[in-house]
């Protein structure tokens, strides 16, 4: 079997159908709070759903980083307090 034939078969088997895309967009609509809270969420375009999903993921990532930084600060404060108590 030629490599081009193998690559065509691999790409065709990994293609996603229009129905699958529609289903995934629908699931995203239900998962993203900004869209889910919209009374007319079923009329939000797929493009808007994807944009809002990207924004939501960026915000979650920023929030996770901020929480990680805050946790590091708190752990450092606890370590400092424990060190002070041990020295007494």
C-alpha atoms as a PDB file:
ATOM      1  CA  UNK A   1       0.000   0.000   0.000  1.00  0.00           C
ATOM      2  CA  UNK A   2       1.431   3.390  -0.947  1.00  0.00           C
ATOM      3  CA  UNK A   3       2.067   6.009   1.702  1.00  0.00           C
ATOM      4  CA  UNK A   4      -0.323   8.466   0.027  1.00  0.00           C
ATOM      5  CA  UNK A   5      -3.100   5.882   0.146  1.00  0.00           C
ATOM      6  CA  UNK A   6      -2.394   5.192   3.817  1.00  0.00           C
ATOM      7  CA  UNK A   7      -2.459   8.906   4.596  1.00  0.00           C
ATOM      8  CA  UNK A   8      -5.788   9.337   2.756  1.00  0.00           C
ATOM      9  CA  UNK A   9      -7.266   6.449   4.726  1.00  0.00           C
ATOM     10  CA  UNK A  10      -5.956   7.830   8.012  1.00  0.00           C
ATOM     11  CA  UNK A  11      -7.318  11.306   7.317  1.00  0.00           C
ATOM     12  CA  UNK A  12     -10.712  10.017   6.212  1.00  0.00           C
ATOM     13  CA  UNK A  13     -11.043   7.860   9.322  1.00  0.00           C
ATOM     14  CA  UNK A  14     -10.239  10.841  11.552  1.00  0.00           C
ATOM     15  CA  UNK A  15     -12.708  13.195   9.881  1.00  0.00           C
ATOM     16  CA  UNK A  16     -15.580  14.394  11.957  1.00  0.00           C
ATOM     17  CA  UNK A  17     -19.093  14.464  10.553  1.00  0.00           C
ATOM     18  CA  UNK A  18     -21.336  17.525  10.450  1.00  0.00           C
ATOM     19  CA  UNK A  19     -23.653  15.813  12.934  1.00  0.00           C
ATOM     20  CA  UNK A  20     -20.765  15.268  15.334  1.00  0.00           C
ATOM     21  CA  UNK A  21     -19.748  18.929  15.025  1.00  0.00           C
ATOM     22  CA  UNK A  22     -23.331  20.016  15.690  1.00  0.00           C
ATOM     23  CA  UNK A  23     -23.475  17.752  18.735  1.00  0.00           C
ATOM     24  CA  UNK A  24     -20.165  19.067  20.089  1.00  0.00           C
ATOM     25  CA  UNK A  25     -21.223  22.699  19.596  1.00  0.00           C
ATOM     26  CA  UNK A  26     -24.461  21.908  21.432  1.00  0.00           C
ATOM     27  CA  UNK A  27     -22.493  20.410  24.331  1.00  0.00           C
ATOM     28  CA  UNK A  28     -20.286  23.499  24.463  1.00  0.00           C
ATOM     29  CA  UNK A  29     -23.405  25.711  24.544  1.00  0.00           C
ATOM     30  CA  UNK A  30     -24.530  23.819  27.641  1.00  0.00           C
ATOM     31  CA  UNK A  31     -21.092  23.945  29.284  1.00  0.00           C
ATOM     32  CA  UNK A  32     -20.117  27.596  28.935  1.00  0.00           C
ATOM     33  CA  UNK A  33     -21.829  29.746  31.591  1.00  0.00           C
ATOM     34  CA  UNK A  34     -21.907  32.923  29.474  1.00  0.00           C
ATOM     35  CA  UNK A  35     -23.843  31.085  26.769  1.00  0.00           C
ATOM     36  CA  UNK A  36     -25.925  28.858  29.037  1.00  0.00           C
ATOM     37  CA  UNK A  37     -27.267  31.926  30.888  1.00  0.00           C
ATOM     38  CA  UNK A  38     -28.414  33.460  27.596  1.00  0.00           C
ATOM     39  CA  UNK A  39     -32.132  32.770  27.114  1.00  0.00           C
ATOM     40  CA  UNK A  40     -31.581  32.342  23.388  1.00  0.00           C
ATOM     41  CA  UNK A  41     -28.482  30.157  23.632  1.00  0.00           C
ATOM     42  CA  UNK A  42     -29.732  27.853  20.882  1.00  0.00           C
ATOM     43  CA  UNK A  43     -29.522  30.762  18.431  1.00  0.00           C
ATOM     44  CA  UNK A  44     -25.903  31.633  19.267  1.00  0.00           C
ATOM     45  CA  UNK A  45     -23.743  30.895  16.225  1.00  0.00           C
ATOM     46  CA  UNK A  46     -21.146  28.131  16.269  1.00  0.00           C
ATOM     47  CA  UNK A  47     -18.466  30.766  15.737  1.00  0.00           C
ATOM     48  CA  UNK A  48     -19.626  32.678  18.819  1.00  0.00           C
ATOM     49  CA  UNK A  49     -19.756  29.441  20.829  1.00  0.00           C
ATOM     50  CA  UNK A  50     -16.149  28.687  19.884  1.00  0.00           C
ATOM     51  CA  UNK A  51     -15.051  32.254  20.700  1.00  0.00           C
ATOM     52  CA  UNK A  52     -16.768  32.133  24.083  1.00  0.00           C
ATOM     53  CA  UNK A  53     -15.277  28.694  24.745  1.00  0.00           C
ATOM     54  CA  UNK A  54     -11.776  30.024  24.046  1.00  0.00           C
ATOM     55  CA  UNK A  55     -12.414  33.018  26.314  1.00  0.00           C
ATOM     56  CA  UNK A  56     -13.757  30.750  29.039  1.00  0.00           C
ATOM     57  CA  UNK A  57     -10.719  28.468  28.845  1.00  0.00           C
ATOM     58  CA  UNK A  58      -8.366  31.485  28.940  1.00  0.00           C
ATOM     59  CA  UNK A  59     -10.197  32.822  31.998  1.00  0.00           C
ATOM     60  CA  UNK A  60     -10.074  29.441  33.727  1.00  0.00           C
ATOM     61  CA  UNK A  61      -6.358  29.193  32.996  1.00  0.00           C
ATOM     62  CA  UNK A  62      -5.741  32.685  34.397  1.00  0.00           C
ATOM     63  CA  UNK A  63      -7.836  31.879  37.453  1.00  0.00           C
ATOM     64  CA  UNK A  64      -5.908  28.641  38.025  1.00  0.00           C
ATOM     65  CA  UNK A  65      -2.596  30.515  37.740  1.00  0.00           C
ATOM     66  CA  UNK A  66      -3.807  33.214  40.144  1.00  0.00           C
ATOM     67  CA  UNK A  67      -4.953  30.574  42.635  1.00  0.00           C
ATOM     68  CA  UNK A  68      -1.633  28.767  42.312  1.00  0.00           C
ATOM     69  CA  UNK A  69       0.229  32.020  43.023  1.00  0.00           C
ATOM     70  CA  UNK A  70      -2.018  32.724  46.010  1.00  0.00           C
ATOM     71  CA  UNK A  71      -1.487  29.213  47.352  1.00  0.00           C
ATOM     72  CA  UNK A  72       2.279  29.639  47.032  1.00  0.00           C
ATOM     73  CA  UNK A  73       2.062  32.905  48.985  1.00  0.00           C
ATOM     74  CA  UNK A  74      -0.030  31.297  51.706  1.00  0.00           C
ATOM     75  CA  UNK A  75       2.312  28.325  51.993  1.00  0.00           C
ATOM     76  CA  UNK A  76       5.274  30.694  52.261  1.00  0.00           C
ATOM     77  CA  UNK A  77       3.468  32.635  55.001  1.00  0.00           C
ATOM     78  CA  UNK A  78       2.703  29.422  56.891  1.00  0.00           C
ATOM     79  CA  UNK A  79       6.324  28.288  56.561  1.00  0.00           C
ATOM     80  CA  UNK A  80       7.514  31.638  57.881  1.00  0.00           C
ATOM     81  CA  UNK A  81       5.114  31.481  60.843  1.00  0.00           C
ATOM     82  CA  UNK A  82       6.141  27.913  61.674  1.00  0.00           C
ATOM     83  CA  UNK A  83       9.817  28.914  61.504  1.00  0.00           C
ATOM     84  CA  UNK A  84       9.136  31.804  63.905  1.00  0.00           C
ATOM     85  CA  UNK A  85       7.307  29.504  66.325  1.00  0.00           C
ATOM     86  CA  UNK A  86      10.110  26.950  66.273  1.00  0.00           C
ATOM     87  CA  UNK A  87      12.706  29.629  67.073  1.00  0.00           C
ATOM     88  CA  UNK A  88      10.893  30.621  70.275  1.00  0.00           C
END
